[in-house]
Structures are given as C-alpha cells and as structure tokens.
C-alpha cells in the first residue's frame, strides 16, 4: 500500500511505520496503483490533474470519501467513481 498526505505524513509514519510505503506526491502515489482513495480534503487533492491520475492508474477506480469531485464529471472522464452519501 502507498500513501501520500501533504500535511500529516510524519504522523502517518509514526502510526503505520514500515507497513506503508510513502510517496513524495499524489502522482507518485497513484502510479501503477489499482485505485485512488481520498480521505482528506487538502486543497492539493481538490486540484489534481485528473487525466494524469487516470493515466497513471492500472485501473480507473476512484474512491472519494470527502466528496471533493462531481460524480458526473468523474464518470465522464472514465473513472469508476465512488463517493459517500450521494446518489
């Protein structure tokens, strides 16, 4: 499992230690991954280059647990998009 957080990376390393590999940025984190899971609302995650993210993924699964992105837009781009509390 790979993880990236622009703010809480040091805290995550203390909790998860070596059970997680840590990326330098969001794009490095998703490269070759099966899915993206957004669990924080940092502005950096609100402004991702979505086509680049899709190209870096092995499969276009996008789990948006903070409802940052619009479902219709994500599906139009070609993501298999999942969010919380929306239809």
PDB file of N, CA and C in Angstrom:
ATOM      1  N   UNK A   1       0.849  -1.165   0.000  1.00  0.00           N
ATOM      2  CA  UNK A   1       0.000   0.000   0.000  1.00  0.00           C
ATOM      3  C   UNK A   1       0.903   1.239   0.000  1.00  0.00           C
ATOM      4  N   UNK A   2       0.507   2.228  -0.793  1.00  0.00           N
ATOM      5  CA  UNK A   2       1.225   3.501  -0.852  1.00  0.00           C
ATOM      6  C   UNK A   2       0.323   4.598  -0.306  1.00  0.00           C
ATOM      7  N   UNK A   3       0.951   5.610   0.278  1.00  0.00           N
ATOM      8  CA  UNK A   3       0.185   6.714   0.838  1.00  0.00           C
ATOM      9  C   UNK A   3       0.921   8.028   0.605  1.00  0.00           C
ATOM     10  N   UNK A   4       0.121   9.088   0.540  1.00  0.00           N
ATOM     11  CA  UNK A   4       0.666  10.434   0.458  1.00  0.00           C
ATOM     12  C   UNK A   4      -0.290  11.386   1.158  1.00  0.00           C
ATOM     13  N   UNK A   5       0.248  12.255   1.976  1.00  0.00           N
ATOM     14  CA  UNK A   5      -0.520  13.313   2.623  1.00  0.00           C
ATOM     15  C   UNK A   5       0.394  14.522   2.751  1.00  0.00           C
ATOM     16  N   UNK A   6       0.023  15.659   2.154  1.00  0.00           N
ATOM     17  CA  UNK A   6       0.919  16.811   2.167  1.00  0.00           C
ATOM     18  C   UNK A   6       1.124  17.433   3.549  1.00  0.00           C
ATOM     19  N   UNK A   7       0.267  17.100   4.502  1.00  0.00           N
ATOM     20  CA  UNK A   7       0.348  17.715   5.825  1.00  0.00           C
ATOM     21  C   UNK A   7       0.722  16.707   6.924  1.00  0.00           C
ATOM     22  N   UNK A   8       0.086  15.557   6.930  1.00  0.00           N
ATOM     23  CA  UNK A   8       0.197  14.627   8.054  1.00  0.00           C
ATOM     24  C   UNK A   8       1.105  13.420   7.793  1.00  0.00           C
ATOM     25  N   UNK A   9       2.033  13.534   6.863  1.00  0.00           N
ATOM     26  CA  UNK A   9       2.887  12.399   6.516  1.00  0.00           C
ATOM     27  C   UNK A   9       3.716  11.913   7.705  1.00  0.00           C
ATOM     28  N   UNK A  10       4.303  12.827   8.458  1.00  0.00           N
ATOM     29  CA  UNK A  10       5.120  12.414   9.604  1.00  0.00           C
ATOM     30  C   UNK A  10       4.292  11.682  10.648  1.00  0.00           C
ATOM     31  N   UNK A  11       3.074  12.162  10.896  1.00  0.00           N
ATOM     32  CA  UNK A  11       2.188  11.482  11.852  1.00  0.00           C
ATOM     33  C   UNK A  11       1.826  10.086  11.355  1.00  0.00           C
ATOM     34  N   UNK A  12       1.559   9.973  10.061  1.00  0.00           N
ATOM     35  CA  UNK A  12       1.212   8.662   9.493  1.00  0.00           C
ATOM     36  C   UNK A  12       2.372   7.686   9.628  1.00  0.00           C
ATOM     37  N   UNK A  13       3.571   8.158   9.411  1.00  0.00           N
ATOM     38  CA  UNK A  13       4.755   7.291   9.530  1.00  0.00           C
ATOM     39  C   UNK A  13       4.910   6.762  10.950  1.00  0.00           C
ATOM     40  N   UNK A  14       4.568   7.574  11.937  1.00  0.00           N
ATOM     41  CA  UNK A  14       4.637   7.123  13.329  1.00  0.00           C
ATOM     42  C   UNK A  14       3.624   6.024  13.613  1.00  0.00           C
ATOM     43  N   UNK A  15       2.445   6.131  13.010  1.00  0.00           N
ATOM     44  CA  UNK A  15       1.380   5.159  13.250  1.00  0.00           C
ATOM     45  C   UNK A  15       1.606   3.873  12.448  1.00  0.00           C
ATOM     46  N   UNK A  16       1.851   4.013  11.152  1.00  0.00           N
ATOM     47  CA  UNK A  16       1.904   2.844  10.271  1.00  0.00           C
ATOM     48  C   UNK A  16       3.310   2.290  10.065  1.00  0.00           C
ATOM     49  N   UNK A  17       4.305   3.056  10.417  1.00  0.00           N
ATOM     50  CA  UNK A  17       5.715   2.678  10.290  1.00  0.00           C
ATOM     51  C   UNK A  17       6.028   2.143   8.898  1.00  0.00           C
ATOM     52  N   UNK A  18       6.563   0.949   8.828  1.00  0.00           N
ATOM     53  CA  UNK A  18       7.013   0.403   7.540  1.00  0.00           C
ATOM     54  C   UNK A  18       5.959  -0.436   6.828  1.00  0.00           C
ATOM     55  N   UNK A  19       4.755  -0.507   7.358  1.00  0.00           N
ATOM     56  CA  UNK A  19       3.706  -1.299   6.703  1.00  0.00           C
ATOM     57  C   UNK A  19       3.134  -0.581   5.483  1.00  0.00           C
ATOM     58  N   UNK A  20       3.512   0.682   5.312  1.00  0.00           N
ATOM     59  CA  UNK A  20       3.046   1.501   4.192  1.00  0.00           C
ATOM     60  C   UNK A  20       4.274   2.121   3.539  1.00  0.00           C
ATOM     61  N   UNK A  21       4.263   2.188   2.197  1.00  0.00           N
ATOM     62  CA  UNK A  21       5.326   2.956   1.539  1.00  0.00           C
ATOM     63  C   UNK A  21       4.780   4.355   1.272  1.00  0.00           C
ATOM     64  N   UNK A  22       5.637   5.342   1.412  1.00  0.00           N
ATOM     65  CA  UNK A  22       5.211   6.731   1.348  1.00  0.00           C
ATOM     66  C   UNK A  22       5.734   7.394   0.078  1.00  0.00           C
ATOM     67  N   UNK A  23       4.844   8.093  -0.604  1.00  0.00           N
ATOM     68  CA  UNK A  23       5.185   8.759  -1.868  1.00  0.00           C
ATOM     69  C   UNK A  23       5.525  10.225  -1.623  1.00  0.00           C
ATOM     70  N   UNK A  24       6.238  10.820  -2.582  1.00  0.00           N
ATOM     71  CA  UNK A  24       6.621  12.228  -2.486  1.00  0.00           C
ATOM     72  C   UNK A  24       5.507  13.175  -2.920  1.00  0.00           C
ATOM     73  N   UNK A  25       4.551  12.651  -3.716  1.00  0.00           N
ATOM     74  CA  UNK A  25       3.425  13.467  -4.174  1.00  0.00           C
ATOM     75  C   UNK A  25       2.281  12.548  -4.593  1.00  0.00           C
ATOM     76  N   UNK A  26       1.153  13.134  -4.906  1.00  0.00           N
ATOM     77  CA  UNK A  26      -0.038  12.352  -5.251  1.00  0.00           C
ATOM     78  C   UNK A  26       0.174  11.510  -6.509  1.00  0.00           C
ATOM     79  N   UNK A  27       0.897  12.039  -7.474  1.00  0.00           N
ATOM     80  CA  UNK A  27       1.095  11.338  -8.745  1.00  0.00           C
ATOM     81  C   UNK A  27       2.004  10.130  -8.579  1.00  0.00           C
ATOM     82  N   UNK A  28       3.048  10.286  -7.784  1.00  0.00           N
ATOM     83  CA  UNK A  28       3.915   9.145  -7.491  1.00  0.00           C
ATOM     84  C   UNK A  28       3.125   8.081  -6.734  1.00  0.00           C
ATOM     85  N   UNK A  29       2.230   8.517  -5.887  1.00  0.00           N
ATOM     86  CA  UNK A  29       1.439   7.594  -5.069  1.00  0.00           C
ATOM     87  C   UNK A  29       0.511   6.730  -5.920  1.00  0.00           C
ATOM     88  N   UNK A  30      -0.106   7.306  -6.939  1.00  0.00           N
ATOM     89  CA  UNK A  30      -1.082   6.544  -7.722  1.00  0.00           C
ATOM     90  C   UNK A  30      -0.447   5.736  -8.855  1.00  0.00           C
ATOM     91  N   UNK A  31       0.796   6.035  -9.211  1.00  0.00           N
ATOM     92  CA  UNK A  31       1.433   5.359 -10.340  1.00  0.00           C
ATOM     93  C   UNK A  31       1.443   3.844 -10.134  1.00  0.00           C
ATOM     94  N   UNK A  32       0.779   3.144 -11.055  1.00  0.00           N
ATOM     95  CA  UNK A  32       0.718   1.689 -11.010  1.00  0.00           C
ATOM     96  C   UNK A  32      -0.249   1.120  -9.987  1.00  0.00           C
ATOM     97  N   UNK A  33      -1.027   1.970  -9.336  1.00  0.00           N
ATOM     98  CA  UNK A  33      -1.971   1.506  -8.314  1.00  0.00           C
ATOM     99  C   UNK A  33      -3.288   1.066  -8.935  1.00  0.00           C
ATOM    100  N   UNK A  34      -4.040   0.294  -8.172  1.00  0.00           N
ATOM    101  CA  UNK A  34      -5.345  -0.182  -8.627  1.00  0.00           C
ATOM    102  C   UNK A  34      -6.443   0.838  -8.375  1.00  0.00           C
ATOM    103  N   UNK A  35      -6.226   1.751  -7.432  1.00  0.00           N
ATOM    104  CA  UNK A  35      -7.280   2.706  -7.075  1.00  0.00           C
ATOM    105  C   UNK A  35      -6.704   3.910  -6.345  1.00  0.00           C
ATOM    106  N   UNK A  36      -7.481   4.983  -6.354  1.00  0.00           N
ATOM    107  CA  UNK A  36      -7.210   6.172  -5.549  1.00  0.00           C
ATOM    108  C   UNK A  36      -8.254   6.202  -4.448  1.00  0.00           C
ATOM    109  N   UNK A  37      -7.824   6.505  -3.238  1.00  0.00           N
ATOM    110  CA  UNK A  37      -8.756   6.697  -2.129  1.00  0.00           C
ATOM    111  C   UNK A  37      -8.417   8.045  -1.498  1.00  0.00           C
ATOM    112  N   UNK A  38      -9.356   8.985  -1.588  1.00  0.00           N
ATOM    113  CA  UNK A  38      -9.179  10.311  -0.991  1.00  0.00           C
ATOM    114  C   UNK A  38      -9.830  10.292   0.391  1.00  0.00           C
ATOM    115  N   UNK A  39      -9.030  10.566   1.435  1.00  0.00           N
ATOM    116  CA  UNK A  39      -9.574  10.554   2.791  1.00  0.00           C
ATOM    117  C   UNK A  39      -9.407  11.893   3.505  1.00  0.00           C
ATOM    118  N   UNK A  40      -8.749  12.861   2.852  1.00  0.00           N
ATOM    119  CA  UNK A  40      -8.618  14.199   3.436  1.00  0.00           C
ATOM    120  C   UNK A  40      -9.021  15.242   2.403  1.00  0.00           C
ATOM    121  N   UNK A  41      -9.309  16.442   2.863  1.00  0.00           N
ATOM    122  CA  UNK A  41      -9.806  17.497   1.977  1.00  0.00           C
ATOM    123  C   UNK A  41      -8.762  18.566   1.665  1.00  0.00           C
ATOM    124  N   UNK A  42      -7.494  18.252   1.743  1.00  0.00           N
ATOM    125  CA  UNK A  42      -6.475  19.266   1.460  1.00  0.00           C
ATOM    126  C   UNK A  42      -6.681  19.835   0.063  1.00  0.00           C
ATOM    127  N   UNK A  43      -6.408  21.118  -0.093  1.00  0.00           N
ATOM    128  CA  UNK A  43      -6.584  21.783  -1.386  1.00  0.00           C
ATOM    129  C   UNK A  43      -5.813  21.099  -2.499  1.00  0.00           C
ATOM    130  N   UNK A  44      -4.656  20.558  -2.184  1.00  0.00           N
ATOM    131  CA  UNK A  44      -3.867  19.841  -3.183  1.00  0.00           C
ATOM    132  C   UNK A  44      -4.684  18.726  -3.840  1.00  0.00           C
ATOM    133  N   UNK A  45      -5.514  18.049  -3.080  1.00  0.00           N
ATOM    134  CA  UNK A  45      -6.326  16.964  -3.623  1.00  0.00           C
ATOM    135  C   UNK A  45      -7.531  17.479  -4.402  1.00  0.00           C
ATOM    136  N   UNK A  46      -7.932  18.702  -4.151  1.00  0.00           N
ATOM    137  CA  UNK A  46      -9.048  19.313  -4.887  1.00  0.00           C
ATOM    138  C   UNK A  46      -8.644  19.756  -6.286  1.00  0.00           C
ATOM    139  N   UNK A  47      -7.343  19.841  -6.527  1.00  0.00           N
ATOM    140  CA  UNK A  47      -6.841  20.370  -7.795  1.00  0.00           C
ATOM    141  C   UNK A  47      -5.959  19.382  -8.545  1.00  0.00           C
ATOM    142  N   UNK A  48      -6.248  18.122  -8.444  1.00  0.00           N
ATOM    143  CA  UNK A  48      -5.453  17.108  -9.139  1.00  0.00           C
ATOM    144  C   UNK A  48      -5.677  17.181 -10.649  1.00  0.00           C
ATOM    145  N   UNK A  49      -4.652  16.849 -11.401  1.00  0.00           N
ATOM    146  CA  UNK A  49      -4.784  16.706 -12.844  1.00  0.00           C
ATOM    147  C   UNK A  49      -5.400  15.323 -13.082  1.00  0.00           C
ATOM    148  N   UNK A  50      -6.709  15.304 -13.230  1.00  0.00           N
ATOM    149  CA  UNK A  50      -7.444  14.039 -13.235  1.00  0.00           C
ATOM    150  C   UNK A  50      -7.087  13.132 -14.403  1.00  0.00           C
ATOM    151  N   UNK A  51      -6.834  13.699 -15.572  1.00  0.00           N
ATOM    152  CA  UNK A  51      -6.448  12.864 -16.713  1.00  0.00           C
ATOM    153  C   UNK A  51      -5.079  12.215 -16.462  1.00  0.00           C
ATOM    154  N   UNK A  52      -4.190  12.943 -15.812  1.00  0.00           N
ATOM    155  CA  UNK A  52      -2.880  12.391 -15.462  1.00  0.00           C
ATOM    156  C   UNK A  52      -3.041  11.269 -14.439  1.00  0.00           C
ATOM    157  N   UNK A  53      -3.895  11.496 -13.445  1.00  0.00           N
ATOM    158  CA  UNK A  53      -4.169  10.464 -12.433  1.00  0.00           C
ATOM    159  C   UNK A  53      -4.688   9.195 -13.115  1.00  0.00           C
ATOM    160  N   UNK A  54      -5.651   9.354 -14.006  1.00  0.00           N
ATOM    161  CA  UNK A  54      -6.237   8.203 -14.694  1.00  0.00           C
ATOM    162  C   UNK A  54      -5.182   7.452 -15.495  1.00  0.00           C
ATOM    163  N   UNK A  55      -4.313   8.185 -16.168  1.00  0.00           N
ATOM    164  CA  UNK A  55      -3.264   7.554 -16.983  1.00  0.00           C
ATOM    165  C   UNK A  55      -2.249   6.793 -16.128  1.00  0.00           C
ATOM    166  N   UNK A  56      -2.021   7.229 -14.909  1.00  0.00           N
ATOM    167  CA  UNK A  56      -1.044   6.579 -14.037  1.00  0.00           C
ATOM    168  C   UNK A  56      -1.579   5.328 -13.351  1.00  0.00           C
ATOM    169  N   UNK A  57      -2.894   5.233 -13.227  1.00  0.00           N
ATOM    170  CA  UNK A  57      -3.517   4.087 -12.550  1.00  0.00           C
ATOM    171  C   UNK A  57      -3.538   2.848 -13.443  1.00  0.00           C
ATOM    172  N   UNK A  58      -3.461   1.667 -12.800  1.00  0.00           N
ATOM    173  CA  UNK A  58      -3.663   0.422 -13.552  1.00  0.00           C
ATOM    174  C   UNK A  58      -5.132   0.271 -13.906  1.00  0.00           C
ATOM    175  N   UNK A  59      -5.997   0.609 -12.968  1.00  0.00           N
ATOM    176  CA  UNK A  59      -7.442   0.562 -13.178  1.00  0.00           C
ATOM    177  C   UNK A  59      -8.018   1.890 -12.675  1.00  0.00           C
ATOM    178  N   UNK A  60      -9.040   2.424 -13.330  1.00  0.00           N
ATOM    179  CA  UNK A  60      -9.522   3.770 -13.002  1.00  0.00           C
ATOM    180  C   UNK A  60     -10.525   3.840 -11.847  1.00  0.00           C
ATOM    181  N   UNK A  61     -10.223   3.190 -10.741  1.00  0.00           N
ATOM    182  CA  UNK A  61     -11.099   3.262  -9.569  1.00  0.00           C
ATOM    183  C   UNK A  61     -10.727   4.479  -8.729  1.00  0.00           C
ATOM    184  N   UNK A  62     -11.747   5.255  -8.351  1.00  0.00           N
ATOM    185  CA  UNK A  62     -11.536   6.481  -7.583  1.00  0.00           C
ATOM    186  C   UNK A  62     -12.563   6.507  -6.454  1.00  0.00           C
ATOM    187  N   UNK A  63     -12.094   6.373  -5.226  1.00  0.00           N
ATOM    188  CA  UNK A  63     -12.959   6.400  -4.051  1.00  0.00           C
ATOM    189  C   UNK A  63     -12.773   7.752  -3.363  1.00  0.00           C
ATOM    190  N   UNK A  64     -13.795   8.571  -3.405  1.00  0.00           N
ATOM    191  CA  UNK A  64     -13.748   9.937  -2.889  1.00  0.00           C
ATOM    192  C   UNK A  64     -14.544   9.987  -1.587  1.00  0.00           C
ATOM    193  N   UNK A  65     -13.867   9.781  -0.471  1.00  0.00           N
ATOM    194  CA  UNK A  65     -14.544   9.729   0.822  1.00  0.00           C
ATOM    195  C   UNK A  65     -14.837  11.109   1.394  1.00  0.00           C
ATOM    196  N   UNK A  66     -14.447  12.167   0.685  1.00  0.00           N
ATOM    197  CA  UNK A  66     -14.700  13.534   1.119  1.00  0.00           C
ATOM    198  C   UNK A  66     -15.606  14.300   0.157  1.00  0.00           C
ATOM    199  N   UNK A  67     -16.084  13.637  -0.884  1.00  0.00           N
ATOM    200  CA  UNK A  67     -16.979  14.260  -1.875  1.00  0.00           C
ATOM    201  C   UNK A  67     -16.380  15.529  -2.483  1.00  0.00           C
ATOM    202  N   UNK A  68     -15.135  15.449  -2.841  1.00  0.00           N
ATOM    203  CA  UNK A  68     -14.430  16.588  -3.441  1.00  0.00           C
ATOM    204  C   UNK A  68     -14.860  16.794  -4.892  1.00  0.00           C
ATOM    205  N   UNK A  69     -15.039  15.712  -5.612  1.00  0.00           N
ATOM    206  CA  UNK A  69     -15.302  15.797  -7.053  1.00  0.00           C
ATOM    207  C   UNK A  69     -16.757  15.504  -7.383  1.00  0.00           C
ATOM    208  N   UNK A  70     -17.185  16.010  -8.536  1.00  0.00           N
ATOM    209  CA  UNK A  70     -18.553  15.803  -9.012  1.00  0.00           C
ATOM    210  C   UNK A  70     -18.656  14.441  -9.704  1.00  0.00           C
ATOM    211  N   UNK A  71     -19.586  13.610  -9.277  1.00  0.00           N
ATOM    212  CA  UNK A  71     -19.707  12.265  -9.847  1.00  0.00           C
ATOM    213  C   UNK A  71     -19.863  12.247 -11.369  1.00  0.00           C
ATOM    214  N   UNK A  72     -20.685  13.113 -11.913  1.00  0.00           N
ATOM    215  CA  UNK A  72     -20.909  13.109 -13.368  1.00  0.00           C
ATOM    216  C   UNK A  72     -19.618  13.418 -14.121  1.00  0.00           C
ATOM    217  N   UNK A  73     -18.844  14.374 -13.629  1.00  0.00           N
ATOM    218  CA  UNK A  73     -17.575  14.733 -14.269  1.00  0.00           C
ATOM    219  C   UNK A  73     -16.591  13.568 -14.206  1.00  0.00           C
ATOM    220  N   UNK A  74     -16.516  12.926 -13.072  1.00  0.00           N
ATOM    221  CA  UNK A  74     -15.571  11.822 -12.903  1.00  0.00           C
ATOM    222  C   UNK A  74     -15.925  10.645 -13.811  1.00  0.00           C
ATOM    223  N   UNK A  75     -17.208  10.356 -13.914  1.00  0.00           N
ATOM    224  CA  UNK A  75     -17.638   9.269 -14.799  1.00  0.00           C
ATOM    225  C   UNK A  75     -17.409   9.624 -16.258  1.00  0.00           C
ATOM    226  N   UNK A  76     -17.600  10.891 -16.613  1.00  0.00           N
ATOM    227  CA  UNK A  76     -17.366  11.336 -17.989  1.00  0.00           C
ATOM    228  C   UNK A  76     -15.887  11.183 -18.362  1.00  0.00           C
ATOM    229  N   UNK A  77     -15.001  11.443 -17.418  1.00  0.00           N
ATOM    230  CA  UNK A  77     -13.569  11.279 -17.648  1.00  0.00           C
ATOM    231  C   UNK A  77     -13.214   9.799 -17.824  1.00  0.00           C
ATOM    232  N   UNK A  78     -14.021   8.932 -17.228  1.00  0.00           N
ATOM    233  CA  UNK A  78     -13.776   7.500 -17.371  1.00  0.00           C
ATOM    234  C   UNK A  78     -13.403   6.782 -16.093  1.00  0.00           C
ATOM    235  N   UNK A  79     -13.549   7.468 -14.964  1.00  0.00           N
ATOM    236  CA  UNK A  79     -13.291   6.812 -13.684  1.00  0.00           C
ATOM    237  C   UNK A  79     -14.483   5.956 -13.273  1.00  0.00           C
ATOM    238  N   UNK A  80     -14.212   4.893 -12.559  1.00  0.00           N
ATOM    239  CA  UNK A  80     -15.244   4.157 -11.828  1.00  0.00           C
ATOM    240  C   UNK A  80     -15.243   4.848 -10.476  1.00  0.00           C
ATOM    241  N   UNK A  81     -16.169   5.788 -10.319  1.00  0.00           N
ATOM    242  CA  UNK A  81     -16.152   6.737  -9.211  1.00  0.00           C
ATOM    243  C   UNK A  81     -17.122   6.326  -8.114  1.00  0.00           C
ATOM    244  N   UNK A  82     -16.636   6.361  -6.882  1.00  0.00           N
ATOM    245  CA  UNK A  82     -17.451   6.032  -5.718  1.00  0.00           C
ATOM    246  C   UNK A  82     -17.301   7.139  -4.695  1.00  0.00           C
ATOM    247  N   UNK A  83     -18.425   7.577  -4.118  1.00  0.00           N
ATOM    248  CA  UNK A  83     -18.393   8.626  -3.110  1.00  0.00           C
ATOM    249  C   UNK A  83     -19.291   8.222  -1.954  1.00  0.00           C
ATOM    250  N   UNK A  84     -19.382   9.090  -0.965  1.00  0.00           N
ATOM    251  CA  UNK A  84     -20.110   8.767   0.257  1.00  0.00           C
ATOM    252  C   UNK A  84     -21.329   9.685   0.382  1.00  0.00           C
ATOM    253  N   UNK A  85     -22.503   9.113   0.635  1.00  0.00           N
ATOM    254  CA  UNK A  85     -23.684   9.899   0.946  1.00  0.00           C
ATOM    255  C   UNK A  85     -24.349  10.598  -0.224  1.00  0.00           C
ATOM    256  N   UNK A  86     -23.956  10.271  -1.434  1.00  0.00           N
ATOM    257  CA  UNK A  86     -24.588  10.849  -2.631  1.00  0.00           C
ATOM    258  C   UNK A  86     -25.212   9.724  -3.437  1.00  0.00           C
ATOM    259  N   UNK A  87     -26.139  10.103  -4.273  1.00  0.00           N
ATOM    260  CA  UNK A  87     -26.733   9.105  -5.184  1.00  0.00           C
ATOM    261  C   UNK A  87     -25.817   8.874  -6.347  1.00  0.00           C
TER     262      UNK A  87
END
